[in-house]
Amino acid sequence: MNNITEQIHSSHMLYERLLSKFIAAQGVSESGIGINQASSFLVDLLKKYLDAQVTLIKTSSSPAIVATIDPGQSQTILFYGHYDVMPVAASEQWLSDPFKLAKRNDCYYGRGCGDDKGQLLAQICGLITYRQLYGQLPVTVKLFYEGQEEIGSLDLKSSVEQAKKAGLLNGVDYAIISDGTISPDGRHVITLGNRGGLGFRITVNENHYDLHSGNFGNVAPNATIKLMQLLNRMIDFKSGRCLLPKFYDGIVQPTQQELAWIDKLPSPVHSPFSKREYYQRLMFTPTINVNGIASGHVGQRIKTIIPGRATAMLDIRLVKGQQCKQIEKMIQQALAPELNNRRAELEFLVETSPSKSSPNIPIVNTLIQAVKHATGDCLIEPVAGGTVPNYVWESFLGVPVVSLPLGAASQNAHAANENMPIHVFDEDIAIIAHLMAILANR
């Protein structure tokens, strides 16, 4: 296994050049800037260094890339990542050009270094490392890299369906997702699930326009107050719990093994909860959250109006046992009187189902071994608190999904000075190479 470390060291300059070119290609999905350059870079890279069979799947914007490496092996593993990046905001806060790889403080800096170009490239470099040492991979590898993740994976489901119909995803046994971050204490993490997400907007319309509170106070309805009344039907503002009937029914509780894994996670900082309760709330408990409210006047001086319109944005994090459509019906029923008389409007904006794989599937133990070989330790997160579209692989491809985050907790994703510590990048590459080596000995 020392050969892997030596090979990564000897290939360091190559991998750094590849990362530099990848960052320079931009690939901002919101605007489309550099998307063709980023996707072309990947296609050429996969063909040149891994002899991959590569297909582009057309979408409404950025194409998805599906590659097959060393077909015909008895087992097939799919790796997922995304090559698109967020736009650069607050450019004055960047200490270097966001699209020119920089090195300082033992880190690589550039838009996408952490989310998700650096992670995606680490997957590829890990496969290159193994092939340089041992030749053909021990398993058939499928790579599915999308270019729309930063705009909500708009066409991921349809892209997977297209690829499946075309036979590009035949025989997949497991899907491994690399997005997100490792533990704040630097230990690498394997995650077996994630909470889902349901985002929606409620708009209340009264009076058609704002009214003078002296002329219409006590006789005209107030859209802001009405909106608060609707929110009070859904949320207990004292406890934060959801008031929708049957909202908590059917939720899957953690097993003893999962609780034991939670006990090994880093202790939360400045939390009023015990470690176990803290993580149970993040992993196994759904939430209802108000993102923001817009209505009326909040200027420096008073404006005596009765608001005619009020809007609230909310999100719900779902856990295993909950379904988006069921929750949507609950919300519609709670707001039915106002929706029926058109005093309120309801629009669902995001719908991502929760995902959770069994801890007993064989790839979990294999990944644990690979992470330990590469880094010395490994943490297990039963569920990630955030939302990623892992359910697509679970539902549409019918395979277990495991997340292997390869970004640092300090990566500044979506923010200025996004980065990847150089040693973490090397560890990421080593994990993938060790994974192949372990599979070769099975």
Protein backbone atom coordinates (compact mmCIF):
# COMPACT_ATOMS: atom_id res chain seq x y z
CA MET A 1 0.00 0.00 0.00
CA ASN A 2 3.01 2.31 0.39
CA ASN A 3 3.26 2.18 -3.40
CA ILE A 4 0.09 4.27 -3.58
CA THR A 5 1.55 7.05 -1.43
CA GLU A 6 4.75 7.05 -3.49
CA GLN A 7 2.83 7.11 -6.77
CA ILE A 8 0.68 10.05 -5.64
CA HIS A 9 3.83 11.91 -4.60
CA SER A 10 5.51 11.28 -7.96
CA SER A 11 2.36 12.40 -9.83
CA HIS A 12 1.79 15.48 -7.67
CA MET A 13 2.74 18.02 -10.33
CA LEU A 14 0.51 16.33 -12.91
CA TYR A 15 -2.49 16.35 -10.59
CA GLU A 16 -1.85 19.98 -9.65
CA ARG A 17 -1.71 20.99 -13.33
CA LEU A 18 -4.98 19.19 -13.98
CA LEU A 19 -6.64 20.99 -11.08
CA SER A 20 -5.28 24.31 -12.36
CA LYS A 21 -6.73 23.73 -15.84
CA PHE A 22 -10.05 22.58 -14.38
CA ILE A 23 -10.39 25.70 -12.20
CA ALA A 24 -9.49 27.93 -15.17
CA ALA A 25 -12.30 26.40 -17.22
CA GLN A 26 -14.82 28.12 -14.90
CA GLY A 27 -18.12 26.27 -15.52
CA VAL A 28 -20.65 28.58 -13.86
CA SER A 29 -24.00 26.87 -14.36
CA GLU A 30 -26.10 29.90 -13.42
CA SER A 31 -24.76 31.92 -16.36
CA GLY A 32 -23.33 29.16 -18.54
CA ILE A 33 -19.90 30.80 -18.55
CA GLY A 34 -17.23 28.18 -19.20
CA ILE A 35 -19.61 25.21 -19.11
CA ASN A 36 -18.45 23.93 -22.51
CA GLN A 37 -14.81 24.39 -21.53
CA ALA A 38 -15.28 22.55 -18.22
CA SER A 39 -17.18 19.63 -19.76
CA SER A 40 -14.69 19.37 -22.65
CA PHE A 41 -11.79 19.34 -20.18
CA LEU A 42 -13.36 16.40 -18.36
CA VAL A 43 -14.13 14.45 -21.51
CA ASP A 44 -10.56 14.83 -22.80
CA LEU A 45 -9.10 13.98 -19.36
CA LEU A 46 -11.14 10.79 -18.99
CA LYS A 47 -10.27 9.58 -22.47
CA LYS A 48 -6.57 10.40 -22.22
CA TYR A 49 -5.74 9.08 -18.76
CA LEU A 50 -8.38 6.37 -18.16
CA ASP A 51 -9.26 5.16 -21.68
CA ALA A 52 -12.87 5.89 -20.77
CA GLN A 53 -15.88 5.49 -23.02
CA VAL A 54 -17.58 8.88 -22.65
CA THR A 55 -21.09 10.02 -23.55
CA LEU A 56 -22.64 13.47 -23.14
CA ILE A 57 -26.29 13.60 -22.07
CA LYS A 58 -28.08 16.73 -23.28
CA THR A 59 -30.07 18.73 -20.76
CA SER A 60 -31.82 22.08 -20.78
CA SER A 61 -28.43 23.67 -20.05
CA SER A 62 -25.17 22.01 -18.94
CA PRO A 63 -24.64 18.46 -20.28
CA ALA A 64 -24.20 15.47 -18.00
CA ILE A 65 -21.12 13.32 -18.56
CA VAL A 66 -21.33 9.53 -18.33
CA ALA A 67 -18.11 7.54 -18.59
CA THR A 68 -17.30 3.84 -18.38
CA ILE A 69 -13.83 2.59 -17.41
CA ASP A 70 -12.62 -1.01 -17.79
CA PRO A 71 -16.01 -2.57 -18.64
CA GLY A 72 -16.75 -6.25 -18.20
CA GLN A 73 -15.68 -6.72 -14.58
CA SER A 74 -17.96 -8.69 -12.24
CA GLN A 75 -18.78 -5.67 -10.08
CA THR A 76 -19.73 -2.14 -11.14
CA ILE A 77 -19.39 0.98 -8.99
CA LEU A 78 -20.72 4.40 -9.95
CA PHE A 79 -19.04 7.61 -8.78
CA TYR A 80 -20.95 10.91 -8.83
CA GLY A 81 -19.74 14.49 -8.74
CA HIS A 82 -20.58 17.82 -10.35
CA TYR A 83 -18.34 19.98 -12.48
CA ASP A 84 -20.32 23.22 -12.28
CA VAL A 85 -19.56 25.95 -9.77
CA MET A 86 -21.30 28.88 -8.12
CA PRO A 87 -20.87 32.43 -9.46
CA VAL A 88 -18.21 34.59 -7.87
CA ALA A 89 -19.81 37.16 -5.58
CA ALA A 90 -17.94 39.71 -3.46
CA SER A 91 -14.91 39.43 -5.72
CA GLU A 92 -13.15 42.12 -3.69
CA GLN A 93 -12.94 39.61 -0.82
CA TRP A 94 -10.91 37.14 -2.87
CA LEU A 95 -7.17 37.31 -2.23
CA SER A 96 -6.42 35.86 -5.68
CA ASP A 97 -8.17 35.36 -9.02
CA PRO A 98 -11.04 32.91 -8.37
CA PHE A 99 -10.40 31.13 -11.67
CA LYS A 100 -6.63 30.90 -11.41
CA LEU A 101 -5.35 28.20 -9.04
CA ALA A 102 -3.34 29.73 -6.21
CA LYS A 103 -1.26 28.11 -3.45
CA ARG A 104 -0.86 29.63 -0.01
CA ASN A 105 -1.08 28.43 3.57
CA ASP A 106 -0.64 24.83 2.31
CA CYS A 107 -3.95 25.10 0.44
CA TYR A 108 -5.17 25.34 -3.13
CA TYR A 109 -7.46 28.32 -3.74
CA GLY A 110 -9.97 28.83 -6.55
CA ARG A 111 -13.67 28.58 -7.30
CA GLY A 112 -14.55 24.89 -7.26
CA CYS A 113 -11.48 23.68 -5.34
CA GLY A 114 -13.77 22.33 -2.66
CA ASP A 115 -17.19 22.25 -4.28
CA ASP A 116 -16.93 20.13 -6.31
CA LYS A 117 -14.15 20.18 -8.88
CA GLY A 118 -11.43 19.27 -6.38
CA GLN A 119 -13.45 16.33 -5.08
CA LEU A 120 -14.40 15.14 -8.55
CA LEU A 121 -10.82 15.38 -9.75
CA ALA A 122 -9.60 13.49 -6.67
CA GLN A 123 -11.85 10.60 -7.72
CA ILE A 124 -10.29 10.62 -11.19
CA CYS A 125 -6.72 10.98 -9.92
CA GLY A 126 -7.28 8.09 -7.52
CA LEU A 127 -8.30 5.89 -10.43
CA ILE A 128 -5.32 7.12 -12.47
CA THR A 129 -3.00 6.33 -9.57
CA TYR A 130 -4.25 2.76 -9.30
CA ARG A 131 -4.03 2.17 -13.06
CA GLN A 132 -0.50 3.55 -13.16
CA LEU A 133 0.51 1.03 -10.51
CA TYR A 134 -1.52 -2.05 -11.31
CA GLY A 135 -3.11 -1.67 -14.74
CA GLN A 136 -6.79 -2.41 -15.25
CA LEU A 137 -9.23 -1.56 -12.48
CA PRO A 138 -10.61 -4.52 -10.47
CA VAL A 139 -14.20 -3.33 -11.03
CA THR A 140 -16.08 -1.62 -13.82
CA VAL A 141 -16.30 2.06 -12.94
CA LYS A 142 -19.07 4.37 -14.10
CA LEU A 143 -18.63 8.11 -13.67
CA PHE A 144 -21.67 10.39 -13.72
CA TYR A 145 -20.76 14.04 -13.57
CA GLU A 146 -23.51 16.62 -13.84
CA GLY A 147 -23.25 20.32 -14.62
CA GLN A 148 -26.42 21.62 -12.97
CA GLU A 149 -25.95 20.85 -9.27
CA GLU A 150 -25.44 24.48 -8.31
CA ILE A 151 -28.78 25.41 -9.90
CA GLY A 152 -30.72 22.61 -8.22
CA SER A 153 -29.89 19.54 -10.40
CA LEU A 154 -32.78 20.53 -12.64
CA ASP A 155 -32.42 17.67 -15.10
CA LEU A 156 -30.65 15.05 -12.99
CA LYS A 157 -33.63 12.68 -12.88
CA SER A 158 -34.23 12.89 -16.63
CA SER A 159 -30.48 12.57 -17.34
CA VAL A 160 -30.26 9.41 -15.25
CA GLU A 161 -33.34 8.04 -17.01
CA GLN A 162 -31.82 8.82 -20.43
CA ALA A 163 -28.53 7.20 -19.47
CA LYS A 164 -30.35 4.16 -18.10
CA LYS A 165 -32.44 3.72 -21.27
CA ALA A 166 -29.28 4.00 -23.37
CA GLY A 167 -27.66 1.19 -21.35
CA LEU A 168 -24.94 3.48 -19.99
CA LEU A 169 -25.69 2.57 -16.36
CA ASN A 170 -26.19 -1.18 -16.71
CA GLY A 171 -25.03 -3.40 -13.87
CA VAL A 172 -24.33 -0.72 -11.26
CA ASP A 173 -24.09 -2.29 -7.80
CA TYR A 174 -23.39 0.81 -5.69
CA ALA A 175 -23.29 4.58 -6.09
CA ILE A 176 -20.62 6.61 -4.27
CA ILE A 177 -21.26 10.34 -4.01
CA SER A 178 -18.46 12.83 -3.39
CA ASP A 179 -19.79 16.21 -2.33
CA GLY A 180 -19.79 17.92 1.07
CA THR A 181 -17.09 18.02 3.72
CA ILE A 182 -15.10 15.87 6.09
CA SER A 183 -15.25 16.36 9.85
CA PRO A 184 -14.09 19.71 11.30
CA ASP A 185 -11.38 17.85 13.20
CA GLY A 186 -9.91 16.63 9.90
CA ARG A 187 -11.13 13.04 9.97
CA HIS A 188 -12.73 11.66 6.85
CA VAL A 189 -16.37 10.65 6.95
CA ILE A 190 -18.66 8.14 5.28
CA THR A 191 -22.32 9.16 5.19
CA LEU A 192 -25.13 6.67 4.65
CA GLY A 193 -28.01 9.06 4.01
CA ASN A 194 -29.26 12.61 3.86
CA ARG A 195 -32.36 14.54 4.76
CA GLY A 196 -34.66 15.57 1.95
CA GLY A 197 -35.77 19.09 1.17
CA LEU A 198 -39.12 20.67 0.38
CA GLY A 199 -39.03 24.39 -0.39
CA PHE A 200 -42.14 26.49 -0.87
CA ARG A 201 -43.54 30.00 -0.97
CA ILE A 202 -46.76 31.31 0.62
CA THR A 203 -48.16 34.62 -0.62
CA VAL A 204 -51.12 36.40 0.97
CA ASN A 205 -53.04 38.99 -1.03
CA GLU A 206 -55.38 41.46 0.68
CA ASN A 207 -56.88 44.74 -0.51
CA HIS A 208 -54.97 44.55 -3.85
CA TYR A 209 -52.59 47.27 -2.60
CA ASP A 210 -51.39 48.96 0.60
CA LEU A 211 -53.94 51.05 2.51
CA HIS A 212 -53.69 54.05 4.85
CA SER A 213 -53.89 52.76 8.45
CA GLY A 214 -55.76 55.85 9.64
CA ASN A 215 -58.45 55.50 7.02
CA PHE A 216 -58.73 51.71 7.06
CA GLY A 217 -57.40 50.55 10.46
CA ASN A 218 -59.81 48.09 12.15
CA VAL A 219 -61.90 47.74 8.98
CA ALA A 220 -59.44 46.35 6.37
CA PRO A 221 -57.48 43.05 6.66
CA ASN A 222 -53.69 43.13 7.02
CA ALA A 223 -51.76 40.76 4.75
CA THR A 224 -48.80 40.49 7.15
CA ILE A 225 -51.01 39.54 10.08
CA LYS A 226 -52.90 37.04 7.92
CA LEU A 227 -49.62 35.49 6.82
CA MET A 228 -48.55 35.10 10.46
CA GLN A 229 -51.86 33.38 11.19
CA LEU A 230 -51.21 30.89 8.38
CA LEU A 231 -47.68 30.21 9.65
CA ASN A 232 -49.12 29.65 13.13
CA ARG A 233 -51.19 26.79 11.71
CA MET A 234 -48.01 25.05 10.61
CA ILE A 235 -45.41 26.00 13.24
CA ASP A 236 -45.38 26.10 17.02
CA PHE A 237 -43.23 29.21 17.39
CA LYS A 238 -42.40 28.39 21.01
CA SER A 239 -40.94 24.93 20.37
CA GLY A 240 -40.25 25.12 16.64
CA ARG A 241 -42.14 21.89 16.02
CA CYS A 242 -44.32 21.39 12.98
CA LEU A 243 -48.07 21.44 13.66
CA LEU A 244 -49.16 19.70 10.47
CA PRO A 245 -51.22 16.60 11.43
CA LYS A 246 -49.31 13.31 11.05
CA PHE A 247 -46.13 15.19 10.09
CA TYR A 248 -44.00 13.03 12.41
CA ASP A 249 -45.74 9.72 11.63
CA GLY A 250 -43.62 6.88 10.23
CA ILE A 251 -40.23 8.44 10.92
CA VAL A 252 -37.43 5.85 11.01
CA GLN A 253 -35.56 5.96 14.33
CA PRO A 254 -31.79 5.37 14.67
CA THR A 255 -30.52 1.88 15.39
CA GLN A 256 -28.12 1.06 18.22
CA GLN A 257 -25.28 0.82 15.68
CA GLU A 258 -26.12 4.28 14.36
CA LEU A 259 -26.24 5.70 17.89
CA ALA A 260 -22.80 4.19 18.55
CA TRP A 261 -21.45 5.90 15.42
CA ILE A 262 -23.00 9.19 16.57
CA ASP A 263 -21.22 8.87 19.91
CA LYS A 264 -17.87 8.85 18.07
CA LEU A 265 -18.55 12.07 16.15
CA PRO A 266 -16.95 15.34 17.30
CA SER A 267 -18.75 17.12 20.11
CA PRO A 268 -20.79 20.13 18.98
CA VAL A 269 -19.50 23.56 20.00
CA HIS A 270 -21.67 25.86 22.14
CA SER A 271 -24.73 23.62 21.88
CA PRO A 272 -27.42 23.42 24.59
CA PHE A 273 -27.96 19.76 23.64
CA SER A 274 -26.00 16.65 24.50
CA LYS A 275 -23.93 15.19 21.67
CA ARG A 276 -26.42 12.40 21.00
CA GLU A 277 -29.45 14.71 21.03
CA TYR A 278 -27.63 17.25 18.88
CA TYR A 279 -26.93 14.72 16.11
CA GLN A 280 -30.31 13.03 16.40
CA ARG A 281 -31.93 16.41 15.82
CA LEU A 282 -29.73 17.00 12.75
CA MET A 283 -30.00 13.50 11.29
CA PHE A 284 -33.24 11.84 12.31
CA THR A 285 -35.65 14.70 13.04
CA PRO A 286 -37.47 16.70 10.34
CA THR A 287 -37.58 20.49 10.48
CA ILE A 288 -39.83 23.31 9.33
CA ASN A 289 -38.00 26.57 8.84
CA VAL A 290 -38.91 30.11 7.75
CA ASN A 291 -36.27 31.42 5.33
CA GLY A 292 -37.63 34.94 5.13
CA ILE A 293 -40.69 37.20 5.11
CA ALA A 294 -41.32 40.20 2.87
CA SER A 295 -44.16 42.66 3.42
CA GLY A 296 -45.00 46.27 3.95
CA HIS A 297 -42.50 48.96 4.92
CA VAL A 298 -39.35 48.70 7.06
CA GLY A 299 -37.62 51.97 6.19
CA GLN A 300 -35.98 54.32 8.69
CA ARG A 301 -39.09 56.47 9.01
CA ILE A 302 -42.64 55.38 9.71
CA LYS A 303 -45.05 54.74 6.89
CA THR A 304 -48.54 54.19 8.26
CA ILE A 305 -49.83 51.52 5.92
CA ILE A 306 -51.81 48.30 6.06
CA PRO A 307 -49.82 45.90 3.83
CA GLY A 308 -51.80 44.43 0.97
CA ARG A 309 -49.33 41.65 0.19
CA ALA A 310 -47.06 39.42 2.27
CA THR A 311 -44.78 36.56 1.25
CA ALA A 312 -42.91 33.92 3.24
CA MET A 313 -40.33 31.42 2.02
CA LEU A 314 -40.04 28.15 3.94
CA ASP A 315 -38.16 24.90 3.79
CA ILE A 316 -38.82 21.52 5.35
CA ARG A 317 -36.06 18.97 5.88
CA LEU A 318 -37.53 15.49 5.58
CA VAL A 319 -36.16 12.27 7.06
CA LYS A 320 -36.55 8.65 6.04
CA GLY A 321 -40.19 7.62 6.38
CA GLN A 322 -41.50 10.92 5.03
CA GLN A 323 -42.49 11.65 1.44
CA CYS A 324 -42.59 15.02 -0.31
CA LYS A 325 -46.05 14.51 -1.83
CA GLN A 326 -47.58 13.58 1.51
CA ILE A 327 -46.14 16.69 3.17
CA GLU A 328 -47.36 18.84 0.27
CA LYS A 329 -50.91 17.56 0.81
CA MET A 330 -50.67 18.39 4.52
CA ILE A 331 -49.66 21.96 3.70
CA GLN A 332 -52.43 22.33 1.13
CA GLN A 333 -55.00 21.08 3.64
CA ALA A 334 -53.76 23.47 6.33
CA LEU A 335 -54.11 26.43 3.97
CA ALA A 336 -57.21 25.19 2.14
CA PRO A 337 -59.68 27.96 3.16
CA GLU A 338 -57.37 30.75 1.98
CA LEU A 339 -56.21 28.86 -1.12
CA ASN A 340 -59.81 28.15 -2.12
CA ASN A 341 -60.92 31.77 -1.86
CA ARG A 342 -57.63 32.93 -3.47
CA ARG A 343 -56.57 35.07 -0.54
CA ALA A 344 -53.38 32.99 -0.48
CA GLU A 345 -51.13 31.38 -3.06
CA LEU A 346 -48.88 28.35 -2.54
CA GLU A 347 -45.96 27.45 -4.77
CA PHE A 348 -43.63 24.46 -4.28
CA LEU A 349 -40.12 25.31 -5.44
CA VAL A 350 -37.87 22.40 -4.41
CA GLU A 351 -38.75 18.75 -3.95
CA THR A 352 -35.95 16.35 -2.97
CA SER A 353 -36.72 13.08 -1.21
CA PRO A 354 -34.63 11.81 1.73
CA SER A 355 -32.22 8.95 1.15
CA LYS A 356 -30.79 6.32 3.49
CA SER A 357 -28.83 3.13 2.87
CA SER A 358 -28.40 0.17 5.18
CA PRO A 359 -25.16 0.15 7.18
CA ASN A 360 -24.89 -3.57 6.41
CA ILE A 361 -24.20 -3.30 2.67
CA PRO A 362 -20.70 -4.64 1.88
CA ILE A 363 -19.37 -1.45 0.26
CA VAL A 364 -19.63 0.38 3.60
CA ASN A 365 -17.03 -1.79 5.30
CA THR A 366 -14.84 -1.64 2.18
CA LEU A 367 -14.95 2.15 2.19
CA ILE A 368 -14.15 2.25 5.91
CA GLN A 369 -11.04 0.15 5.27
CA ALA A 370 -9.99 2.36 2.34
CA VAL A 371 -10.34 5.56 4.38
CA LYS A 372 -8.41 4.06 7.29
CA HIS A 373 -5.62 2.82 5.00
CA ALA A 374 -5.30 6.30 3.47
CA THR A 375 -5.78 8.49 6.56
CA GLY A 376 -5.63 6.33 9.68
CA ASP A 377 -9.22 6.88 10.90
CA CYS A 378 -12.81 7.01 9.66
CA LEU A 379 -16.06 8.40 11.05
CA ILE A 380 -19.54 7.24 10.08
CA GLU A 381 -22.44 9.65 9.77
CA PRO A 382 -25.73 7.73 9.60
CA VAL A 383 -27.40 10.74 7.92
CA ALA A 384 -26.26 14.14 6.72
CA GLY A 385 -28.42 17.01 7.87
CA GLY A 386 -28.34 18.72 4.48
CA THR A 387 -30.03 17.80 1.23
CA VAL A 388 -28.45 16.29 -1.88
CA PRO A 389 -30.25 14.38 -4.67
CA ASN A 390 -29.02 10.91 -3.64
CA TYR A 391 -32.57 9.60 -3.84
CA VAL A 392 -32.21 9.67 -7.63
CA TRP A 393 -29.78 6.75 -7.54
CA GLU A 394 -31.84 4.96 -4.92
CA SER A 395 -35.19 5.44 -6.68
CA PHE A 396 -34.37 5.55 -10.39
CA LEU A 397 -31.37 3.25 -10.50
CA GLY A 398 -32.38 1.00 -7.60
CA VAL A 399 -28.95 0.86 -5.96
CA PRO A 400 -27.65 1.67 -2.46
CA VAL A 401 -26.02 5.09 -2.13
CA VAL A 402 -23.08 6.02 0.10
CA SER A 403 -21.58 9.51 0.37
CA LEU A 404 -17.83 9.93 0.61
CA PRO A 405 -17.31 13.69 1.11
CA LEU A 406 -13.83 14.79 0.05
CA GLY A 407 -13.91 18.52 0.84
CA ALA A 408 -12.43 20.13 3.95
CA ALA A 409 -14.75 21.60 6.55
CA SER A 410 -12.95 24.94 6.05
CA GLN A 411 -13.36 24.93 2.26
CA ASN A 412 -15.48 28.14 2.06
CA ALA A 413 -17.82 26.60 -0.50
CA HIS A 414 -19.93 29.23 -2.30
CA ALA A 415 -17.90 31.97 -0.62
CA ALA A 416 -14.73 33.96 -1.21
CA ASN A 417 -11.36 32.16 -1.08
CA GLU A 418 -12.81 28.70 -1.64
CA ASN A 419 -10.04 26.19 -0.98
CA MET A 420 -8.80 22.63 -0.67
CA PRO A 421 -5.93 21.86 1.75
CA ILE A 422 -3.20 20.17 -0.27
CA HIS A 423 -2.87 17.29 2.19
CA VAL A 424 -6.64 16.66 2.04
CA PHE A 425 -6.49 16.53 -1.78
CA ASP A 426 -3.70 13.94 -1.53
CA GLU A 427 -5.67 11.94 1.06
CA ASP A 428 -8.73 12.00 -1.19
CA ILE A 429 -6.74 10.58 -4.09
CA ALA A 430 -5.28 7.91 -1.81
CA ILE A 431 -8.73 6.86 -0.55
CA ILE A 432 -9.94 6.12 -4.09
CA ALA A 433 -6.73 4.27 -4.99
CA HIS A 434 -6.89 2.20 -1.78
CA LEU A 435 -10.55 1.43 -2.46
CA MET A 436 -9.56 -0.09 -5.80
CA ALA A 437 -6.69 -2.01 -4.19
CA ILE A 438 -8.97 -3.52 -1.52
CA LEU A 439 -11.56 -4.49 -4.14
CA ALA A 440 -8.80 -6.16 -6.16
CA ASN A 441 -8.05 -8.48 -3.24
CA ARG A 442 -11.65 -9.61 -2.73
